[in-house]
Amino acid sequence: MSPSAVANLRLELSLVEPVLWTSAARMWRSGPGLADRYRHYLSAMHQVIRASVPLMERAAARCEALPRDPVGRPLARYLRAHAEEERGHDEWLLADAAVTGAAPGELTDAVTPAHVAALVGAQYYWLEHGHPVALLGYIAVLEGNAPAPGLADRLARETGLPQAAFATVRLHADLDDGHSADLDRLIDELPLDAARRSLVAVSALHTVASLAELFDRIAAAPTGWESAHD
């Protein structure tokens, strides 16, 4: 892939990511209901993040079944290693939710809404019926839009929830910049043709749109922990 691969992807994303940032700002707005929106966020992100390791492991297995594909081996190595880095992050979210007062099983037993399934489910389709490289677009958006430094402290201060309820937000603000740098290097090194480069971009753009919808739904959710699960 040409040296400008990452620059091209980031340029495309720069045209649409302001929509995502606006949705995130609405979700994290100060004022009444912020604590409830945060609880809703934990539930929704648990539903997203619990799929991360299985997605990467399935994509790596698909890559390993393509021995003649020059993309397969390096992509599989990256996905296997990154899956280990992400393992257990869904448990972090459960621990944070428990600090906010969520009952055991409240997050794990909830029915995943269609808009969350659409965000994650597209990746299963593309890795099975397209090419596993699509997952790089998804990862690029999720890790390229990590929580801002200082967000956890502001949320703790304004919601009155314990600092321990924001461990995952705080950790991802620290970790995801390094992960994004690793991903950018990989995208530039992979020998992707035009079709696969396009697939990465389509996946990334879909992820932006779906994640913005998710944040908009949280921002508009009725107050009350039970209502936030509707």
Foldseek 3Di string as FASTA:
>chain_A
DALCLLVVLVVLCVVQLVLLVVLLCLLCPFDPQNLLLVLLVLLLVLLQLVCQLVLLQVQLVLLVVCVVAQQSPVSSVVSVVVSVVSPPLSVLSVQLSVLSPDDVPNRVVADHDPLSCQLRVVQVCCVVPNNNLLVLLLLLQDLVCQQAPPSLVVSCVRVVGDSSSCVSSNVSNVPSVVVNVVSSVSSSPGPDDPVSSVSNSVSNVSNSVSSSVVSNCSSPFDHDNVSSSD
